[in-house]
PDB file of N, CA and C in Angstrom:
ATOM      1  N   MET A   1      35.994  50.578 -43.709  1.00  0.00           N
ATOM      2  CA  MET A   1      35.726  50.482 -42.159  1.00  0.00           C
ATOM      3  C   MET A   1      35.742  48.724 -42.752  1.00  0.00           C
ATOM      4  N   ALA A   2      36.425  47.915 -42.113  1.00  0.00           N
ATOM      5  CA  ALA A   2      36.612  46.485 -42.274  1.00  0.00           C
ATOM      6  C   ALA A   2      35.238  45.708 -41.538  1.00  0.00           C
ATOM      7  N   LEU A   3      34.619  44.795 -42.273  1.00  0.00           N
ATOM      8  CA  LEU A   3      33.733  44.071 -41.763  1.00  0.00           C
ATOM      9  C   LEU A   3      34.297  42.880 -40.469  1.00  0.00           C
ATOM     10  N   PRO A   4      33.609  42.760 -39.291  1.00  0.00           N
ATOM     11  CA  PRO A   4      34.407  41.738 -38.747  1.00  0.00           C
ATOM     12  C   PRO A   4      34.488  40.212 -39.309  1.00  0.00           C
ATOM     13  N   ARG A   5      35.251  39.468 -39.122  1.00  0.00           N
ATOM     14  CA  ARG A   5      35.012  38.175 -40.025  1.00  0.00           C
ATOM     15  C   ARG A   5      34.504  37.302 -39.392  1.00  0.00           C
ATOM     16  N   PRO A   6      33.093  36.502 -39.692  1.00  0.00           N
ATOM     17  CA  PRO A   6      32.396  35.272 -39.274  1.00  0.00           C
ATOM     18  C   PRO A   6      33.497  34.622 -38.258  1.00  0.00           C
ATOM     19  N   ALA A   7      32.733  33.975 -37.235  1.00  0.00           N
ATOM     20  CA  ALA A   7      33.422  33.299 -36.063  1.00  0.00           C
ATOM     21  C   ALA A   7      33.441  31.874 -37.139  1.00  0.00           C
ATOM     22  N   PRO A   8      33.965  30.984 -36.678  1.00  0.00           N
ATOM     23  CA  PRO A   8      34.302  29.686 -37.964  1.00  0.00           C
ATOM     24  C   PRO A   8      33.236  28.763 -36.755  1.00  0.00           C
ATOM     25  N   ALA A   9      32.598  28.102 -37.661  1.00  0.00           N
ATOM     26  CA  ALA A   9      31.740  27.081 -37.062  1.00  0.00           C
ATOM     27  C   ALA A   9      32.502  26.105 -36.175  1.00  0.00           C
ATOM     28  N   ARG A  10      30.998  26.368 -34.879  1.00  0.00           N
ATOM     29  CA  ARG A  10      32.013  24.847 -34.194  1.00  0.00           C
ATOM     30  C   ARG A  10      31.267  23.310 -34.682  1.00  0.00           C
ATOM     31  N   ARG A  11      32.265  22.961 -34.379  1.00  0.00           N
ATOM     32  CA  ARG A  11      31.879  21.308 -34.375  1.00  0.00           C
ATOM     33  C   ARG A  11      31.086  21.047 -33.541  1.00  0.00           C
ATOM     34  N   VAL A  12      29.418  20.496 -33.722  1.00  0.00           N
ATOM     35  CA  VAL A  12      28.260  20.230 -32.227  1.00  0.00           C
ATOM     36  C   VAL A  12      29.202  18.540 -32.292  1.00  0.00           C
ATOM     37  N   PHE A  13      29.830  17.892 -33.223  1.00  0.00           N
ATOM     38  CA  PHE A  13      30.154  16.659 -32.987  1.00  0.00           C
ATOM     39  C   PHE A  13      31.419  16.488 -32.204  1.00  0.00           C
ATOM     40  N   ARG A  14      31.126  15.755 -31.120  1.00  0.00           N
ATOM     41  CA  ARG A  14      32.965  15.442 -30.924  1.00  0.00           C
ATOM     42  C   ARG A  14      33.066  13.947 -30.818  1.00  0.00           C
ATOM     43  N   PRO A  15      33.982  13.540 -30.948  1.00  0.00           N
ATOM     44  CA  PRO A  15      34.240  12.241 -30.948  1.00  0.00           C
ATOM     45  C   PRO A  15      34.248  11.757 -29.429  1.00  0.00           C
ATOM     46  N   ALA A  16      33.938  10.570 -29.090  1.00  0.00           N
ATOM     47  CA  ALA A  16      33.510  10.003 -27.977  1.00  0.00           C
ATOM     48  C   ALA A  16      34.544  10.007 -27.152  1.00  0.00           C
ATOM     49  N   ARG A  17      35.188  10.442 -26.023  1.00  0.00           N
ATOM     50  CA  ARG A  17      36.266  10.083 -25.168  1.00  0.00           C
ATOM     51  C   ARG A  17      36.029   9.132 -24.415  1.00  0.00           C
ATOM     52  N   ARG A  18      37.388   7.990 -24.381  1.00  0.00           N
ATOM     53  CA  ARG A  18      37.180   6.873 -23.584  1.00  0.00           C
ATOM     54  C   ARG A  18      36.831   6.447 -22.371  1.00  0.00           C
ATOM     55  N   VAL A  19      35.795   6.046 -22.085  1.00  0.00           N
ATOM     56  CA  VAL A  19      35.247   5.761 -20.371  1.00  0.00           C
ATOM     57  C   VAL A  19      35.608   4.874 -19.902  1.00  0.00           C
ATOM     58  N   SER A  20      35.932   6.150 -18.718  1.00  0.00           N
ATOM     59  CA  SER A  20      36.946   5.019 -17.501  1.00  0.00           C
ATOM     60  C   SER A  20      36.223   3.694 -17.068  1.00  0.00           C
ATOM     61  N   TRP A  21      37.027   2.722 -16.381  1.00  0.00           N
ATOM     62  CA  TRP A  21      36.345   2.083 -15.650  1.00  0.00           C
ATOM     63  C   TRP A  21      35.424   1.715 -14.766  1.00  0.00           C
ATOM     64  N   GLY A  22      35.823   3.026 -13.718  1.00  0.00           N
ATOM     65  CA  GLY A  22      35.331   3.298 -12.345  1.00  0.00           C
ATOM     66  C   GLY A  22      33.722   4.043 -13.101  1.00  0.00           C
ATOM     67  N   THR A  23      33.950   4.667 -14.307  1.00  0.00           N
ATOM     68  CA  THR A  23      32.288   5.105 -15.094  1.00  0.00           C
ATOM     69  C   THR A  23      31.275   3.850 -14.920  1.00  0.00           C
ATOM     70  N   ARG A  24      31.955   3.124 -16.130  1.00  0.00           N
ATOM     71  CA  ARG A  24      31.505   1.839 -16.058  1.00  0.00           C
ATOM     72  C   ARG A  24      30.953   1.255 -15.147  1.00  0.00           C
ATOM     73  N   ILE A  25      32.168   0.691 -14.352  1.00  0.00           N
ATOM     74  CA  ILE A  25      31.204   0.253 -12.783  1.00  0.00           C
ATOM     75  C   ILE A  25      30.250   0.806 -12.263  1.00  0.00           C
ATOM     76  N   PHE A  26      30.131   2.201 -12.643  1.00  0.00           N
ATOM     77  CA  PHE A  26      28.773   3.161 -11.610  1.00  0.00           C
ATOM     78  C   PHE A  26      27.361   2.621 -12.335  1.00  0.00           C
ATOM     79  N   ALA A  27      27.883   2.564 -14.259  1.00  0.00           N
ATOM     80  CA  ALA A  27      26.505   2.752 -14.525  1.00  0.00           C
ATOM     81  C   ALA A  27      25.682   1.269 -14.423  1.00  0.00           C
ATOM     82  N   LEU A  28      26.939   0.318 -14.285  1.00  0.00           N
ATOM     83  CA  LEU A  28      26.347  -0.652 -13.906  1.00  0.00           C
ATOM     84  C   LEU A  28      25.733  -1.551 -12.338  1.00  0.00           C
ATOM     85  N   LEU A  29      26.198  -0.822 -11.092  1.00  0.00           N
ATOM     86  CA  LEU A  29      25.488  -1.027 -10.601  1.00  0.00           C
ATOM     87  C   LEU A  29      24.632   0.028 -10.025  1.00  0.00           C
ATOM     88  N   VAL A  30      24.213   1.188 -11.172  1.00  0.00           N
ATOM     89  CA  VAL A  30      22.681   2.040 -11.003  1.00  0.00           C
ATOM     90  C   VAL A  30      21.772   1.315 -11.583  1.00  0.00           C
ATOM     91  N   PHE A  31      22.109   0.607 -13.255  1.00  0.00           N
ATOM     92  CA  PHE A  31      21.431  -0.590 -13.616  1.00  0.00           C
ATOM     93  C   PHE A  31      21.120  -1.538 -12.750  1.00  0.00           C
ATOM     94  N   LEU A  32      21.865  -2.322 -12.034  1.00  0.00           N
ATOM     95  CA  LEU A  32      21.703  -3.288 -11.363  1.00  0.00           C
ATOM     96  C   LEU A  32      20.544  -2.895  -9.927  1.00  0.00           C
ATOM     97  N   VAL A  33      21.177  -1.556  -9.950  1.00  0.00           N
ATOM     98  CA  VAL A  33      19.956  -1.520  -8.610  1.00  0.00           C
ATOM     99  C   VAL A  33      18.401  -1.198  -9.177  1.00  0.00           C
ATOM    100  N   ALA A  34      18.182  -0.532 -10.198  1.00  0.00           N
ATOM    101  CA  ALA A  34      17.560  -0.081 -10.687  1.00  0.00           C
ATOM    102  C   ALA A  34      16.295  -1.460 -11.745  1.00  0.00           C
ATOM    103  N   VAL A  35      17.427  -2.328 -11.699  1.00  0.00           N
ATOM    104  CA  VAL A  35      16.364  -4.117 -12.301  1.00  0.00           C
ATOM    105  C   VAL A  35      16.058  -4.164 -10.650  1.00  0.00           C
ATOM    106  N   GLY A  36      16.646  -4.665  -9.762  1.00  0.00           N
ATOM    107  CA  GLY A  36      16.698  -4.940  -8.596  1.00  0.00           C
ATOM    108  C   GLY A  36      15.211  -4.157  -8.177  1.00  0.00           C
ATOM    109  N   ALA A  37      15.169  -3.065  -8.042  1.00  0.00           N
ATOM    110  CA  ALA A  37      14.147  -2.376  -7.239  1.00  0.00           C
ATOM    111  C   ALA A  37      12.571  -2.597  -7.909  1.00  0.00           C
ATOM    112  N   ILE A  38      13.247  -3.057  -9.757  1.00  0.00           N
ATOM    113  CA  ILE A  38      11.402  -3.220 -10.141  1.00  0.00           C
ATOM    114  C   ILE A  38      11.219  -4.598  -9.891  1.00  0.00           C
ATOM    115  N   GLY A  39      11.997  -5.721  -9.980  1.00  0.00           N
ATOM    116  CA  GLY A  39      11.700  -6.905  -9.394  1.00  0.00           C
ATOM    117  C   GLY A  39      11.478  -7.161  -8.051  1.00  0.00           C
ATOM    118  N   ALA A  40      11.498  -6.108  -7.104  1.00  0.00           N
ATOM    119  CA  ALA A  40      11.211  -6.301  -5.705  1.00  0.00           C
ATOM    120  C   ALA A  40      10.090  -5.739  -5.533  1.00  0.00           C
ATOM    121  N   PHE A  41       9.458  -4.792  -6.977  1.00  0.00           N
ATOM    122  CA  PHE A  41       8.118  -4.393  -6.896  1.00  0.00           C
ATOM    123  C   PHE A  41       7.340  -5.981  -7.436  1.00  0.00           C
ATOM    124  N   LEU A  42       7.977  -6.051  -8.051  1.00  0.00           N
ATOM    125  CA  LEU A  42       6.910  -7.349  -8.906  1.00  0.00           C
ATOM    126  C   LEU A  42       6.347  -7.962  -7.809  1.00  0.00           C
ATOM    127  N   GLU A  43       8.171  -8.233  -7.318  1.00  0.00           N
ATOM    128  CA  GLU A  43       7.851  -9.515  -6.071  1.00  0.00           C
ATOM    129  C   GLU A  43       6.937  -9.005  -4.845  1.00  0.00           C
ATOM    130  N   VAL A  44       7.057  -8.303  -4.521  1.00  0.00           N
ATOM    131  CA  VAL A  44       6.399  -8.067  -2.873  1.00  0.00           C
ATOM    132  C   VAL A  44       5.092  -6.984  -2.987  1.00  0.00           C
ATOM    133  N   LEU A  45       5.363  -6.171  -3.413  1.00  0.00           N
ATOM    134  CA  LEU A  45       4.395  -4.708  -3.406  1.00  0.00           C
ATOM    135  C   LEU A  45       3.077  -5.436  -4.373  1.00  0.00           C
ATOM    136  N   LEU A  46       3.035  -5.226  -5.541  1.00  0.00           N
ATOM    137  CA  LEU A  46       2.337  -5.925  -6.533  1.00  0.00           C
ATOM    138  C   LEU A  46       1.274  -7.039  -6.279  1.00  0.00           C
ATOM    139  N   PRO A  47       2.096  -8.473  -5.549  1.00  0.00           N
ATOM    140  CA  PRO A  47       0.825  -9.126  -5.024  1.00  0.00           C
ATOM    141  C   PRO A  47       0.115  -8.627  -4.198  1.00  0.00           C
ATOM    142  N   GLN A  48       1.134  -8.187  -2.883  1.00  0.00           N
ATOM    143  CA  GLN A  48      -0.050  -7.566  -1.661  1.00  0.00           C
ATOM    144  C   GLN A  48      -1.360  -5.892  -2.208  1.00  0.00           C
ATOM    145  N   GLN A  49      -0.770  -5.679  -3.441  1.00  0.00           N
ATOM    146  CA  GLN A  49      -1.939  -4.993  -3.466  1.00  0.00           C
ATOM    147  C   GLN A  49      -2.988  -5.105  -4.244  1.00  0.00           C
ATOM    148  N   VAL A  50      -2.742  -6.315  -4.757  1.00  0.00           N
ATOM    149  CA  VAL A  50      -3.672  -7.592  -5.820  1.00  0.00           C
ATOM    150  C   VAL A  50      -4.762  -8.586  -4.726  1.00  0.00           C
ATOM    151  N   ALA A  51      -3.636  -8.543  -3.947  1.00  0.00           N
ATOM    152  CA  ALA A  51      -4.581  -9.207  -2.935  1.00  0.00           C
ATOM    153  C   ALA A  51      -5.416  -8.779  -2.203  1.00  0.00           C
ATOM    154  N   LYS A  52      -4.953  -7.023  -1.466  1.00  0.00           N
ATOM    155  CA  LYS A  52      -5.848  -6.248  -0.930  1.00  0.00           C
ATOM    156  C   LYS A  52      -6.993  -6.304  -1.954  1.00  0.00           C
ATOM    157  N   LEU A  53      -7.062  -5.540  -2.858  1.00  0.00           N
ATOM    158  CA  LEU A  53      -7.650  -5.376  -4.298  1.00  0.00           C
ATOM    159  C   LEU A  53      -8.767  -6.426  -3.921  1.00  0.00           C
ATOM    160  N   ALA A  54      -8.339  -7.933  -4.272  1.00  0.00           N
ATOM    161  CA  ALA A  54      -9.263  -8.608  -4.428  1.00  0.00           C
ATOM    162  C   ALA A  54     -10.222  -9.156  -3.421  1.00  0.00           C
ATOM    163  N   GLU A  55      -9.523  -8.805  -1.859  1.00  0.00           N
ATOM    164  CA  GLU A  55     -10.248  -8.642  -0.480  1.00  0.00           C
ATOM    165  C   GLU A  55     -11.092  -7.626  -0.523  1.00  0.00           C
ATOM    166  N   MET A  56     -11.150  -6.832  -1.009  1.00  0.00           N
ATOM    167  CA  MET A  56     -12.095  -5.806  -0.901  1.00  0.00           C
ATOM    168  C   MET A  56     -12.912  -6.096  -1.930  1.00  0.00           C
ATOM    169  N   GLU A  57     -12.926  -6.236  -3.668  1.00  0.00           N
ATOM    170  CA  GLU A  57     -14.248  -7.098  -4.639  1.00  0.00           C
ATOM    171  C   GLU A  57     -14.731  -8.006  -3.789  1.00  0.00           C
ATOM    172  N   GLY A  58     -13.950  -9.340  -2.672  1.00  0.00           N
ATOM    173  CA  GLY A  58     -14.857 -10.079  -2.502  1.00  0.00           C
ATOM    174  C   GLY A  58     -15.706  -9.749  -1.188  1.00  0.00           C
ATOM    175  N   ASN A  59     -15.454  -8.426  -0.639  1.00  0.00           N
ATOM    176  CA  ASN A  59     -15.916  -8.572   0.591  1.00  0.00           C
ATOM    177  C   ASN A  59     -17.723  -7.133  -0.290  1.00  0.00           C
ATOM    178  N   GLU A  60     -17.328  -6.809  -1.217  1.00  0.00           N
ATOM    179  CA  GLU A  60     -18.032  -5.866  -1.923  1.00  0.00           C
ATOM    180  C   GLU A  60     -19.446  -7.004  -2.669  1.00  0.00           C
ATOM    181  N   LEU A  61     -19.280  -8.252  -2.707  1.00  0.00           N
ATOM    182  CA  LEU A  61     -19.693  -9.404  -3.141  1.00  0.00           C
ATOM    183  C   LEU A  61     -20.670 -10.188  -2.578  1.00  0.00           C
ATOM    184  N   VAL A  62     -20.222  -9.839  -0.894  1.00  0.00           N
ATOM    185  CA  VAL A  62     -20.745 -10.755   0.600  1.00  0.00           C
ATOM    186  C   VAL A  62     -22.057  -9.872   0.848  1.00  0.00           C
TER     187      VAL A  62
END
């Protein structure tokens, strides 16, 4: 009885395909939205929280 042949080893690394322009534009938009969200957080929400905390600390000292 013949033994079955071992399956050929599959290559794990595949050469990268050319990325379409639509994918690049989408990735750029997602990146810009993420940067904008972080910027809005630092510009708007964080100072409000710091001011609220400073006011609470000031009230504790009085």
